[in-house]
Protein backbone atom coordinates (compact mmCIF):
# COMPACT_ATOMS: atom_id res chain seq x y z
CA MET A 1 -15.64 -65.42 -58.74
CA ASP A 2 -16.70 -68.92 -57.90
CA ILE A 3 -14.36 -69.97 -55.31
CA SER A 4 -16.17 -73.26 -54.37
CA SER A 5 -15.51 -74.83 -57.62
CA GLY A 6 -11.91 -73.59 -57.76
CA LEU A 7 -12.65 -71.43 -60.90
CA THR A 8 -11.88 -67.71 -60.88
CA GLU A 9 -12.01 -66.99 -64.53
CA PRO A 10 -14.93 -67.62 -66.98
CA VAL A 11 -14.71 -70.17 -69.68
CA PHE A 12 -15.87 -68.81 -73.13
CA ARG A 13 -17.62 -71.01 -75.71
CA SER A 14 -19.95 -70.79 -78.59
CA ALA A 15 -23.57 -70.76 -77.57
CA VAL A 16 -25.96 -73.66 -78.25
CA VAL A 17 -29.70 -73.45 -78.50
CA ASP A 18 -29.88 -75.14 -75.15
CA ASP A 19 -28.26 -72.03 -73.47
CA LEU A 20 -31.38 -69.80 -74.47
CA PRO A 21 -33.36 -70.29 -71.15
CA ALA A 22 -30.22 -69.43 -69.13
CA ILE A 23 -29.39 -66.59 -71.42
CA ALA A 24 -33.24 -65.40 -71.21
CA GLU A 25 -32.90 -65.53 -67.35
CA LEU A 26 -29.65 -63.51 -67.20
CA GLU A 27 -31.22 -60.99 -69.67
CA SER A 28 -34.43 -60.56 -67.36
CA SER A 29 -32.19 -60.23 -64.30
CA GLU A 30 -29.80 -57.69 -65.72
CA PHE A 31 -32.33 -55.58 -67.89
CA MET A 32 -35.66 -56.22 -66.14
CA SER A 33 -38.40 -54.58 -68.05
CA LEU A 34 -36.02 -53.75 -71.09
CA ALA A 35 -34.95 -57.38 -71.39
CA TYR A 36 -35.50 -59.07 -74.78
CA PRO A 37 -38.30 -61.65 -74.32
CA TYR A 38 -37.50 -65.26 -75.01
CA PHE A 39 -38.97 -65.34 -78.42
CA ALA A 40 -36.79 -62.42 -79.58
CA LEU A 41 -33.71 -64.18 -78.27
CA ARG A 42 -34.74 -67.36 -80.21
CA GLN A 43 -34.97 -65.38 -83.21
CA LEU A 44 -31.75 -63.69 -82.83
CA PHE A 45 -30.23 -67.17 -82.33
CA ASP A 46 -31.81 -68.57 -85.37
CA VAL A 47 -30.26 -65.60 -87.50
CA HIS A 48 -26.91 -65.09 -85.77
CA GLY A 49 -26.44 -68.17 -83.63
CA SER A 50 -23.00 -68.94 -84.90
CA HIS A 51 -21.89 -65.41 -83.59
CA TRP A 52 -22.86 -65.94 -79.98
CA VAL A 53 -20.52 -66.54 -77.25
CA VAL A 54 -21.48 -67.44 -73.73
CA ALA A 55 -19.38 -67.00 -70.53
CA GLU A 56 -19.57 -69.90 -67.95
CA LEU A 57 -18.38 -69.95 -64.34
CA GLY A 58 -18.75 -73.05 -62.27
CA GLY A 59 -20.94 -74.58 -65.03
CA SER A 60 -23.51 -71.58 -65.15
CA ILE A 61 -23.81 -68.98 -67.70
CA CYS A 62 -22.67 -65.65 -66.29
CA GLY A 63 -22.57 -63.66 -69.56
CA TYR A 64 -23.02 -63.59 -73.28
CA ALA A 65 -22.26 -61.70 -76.28
CA LEU A 66 -24.03 -61.43 -79.78
CA LEU A 67 -22.42 -60.18 -82.96
CA ALA A 68 -24.15 -59.34 -85.81
CA VAL A 69 -21.68 -59.60 -88.96
CA LEU A 70 -22.69 -57.94 -92.18
CA ASP A 71 -21.94 -59.42 -95.53
CA SER A 72 -19.66 -56.85 -97.12
CA HIS A 73 -20.06 -58.33 -100.55
CA PRO A 74 -22.30 -56.58 -102.82
């Protein structure tokens, strides 16, 4: 909770390529040695970027989600 900015709920939005450094930092701090390296996150963004969502709190990214959607048409 970010009381200093008055925000108590995260704001969700579509991710943009400029979010990748913050996503990589979050990934590293949360998953340590199991974190995806930046290049892997960039590749995932290049393929699935339209399916990424970030959560911001006080202007900082505090979470993200990536969905991989399969084409169900043969």
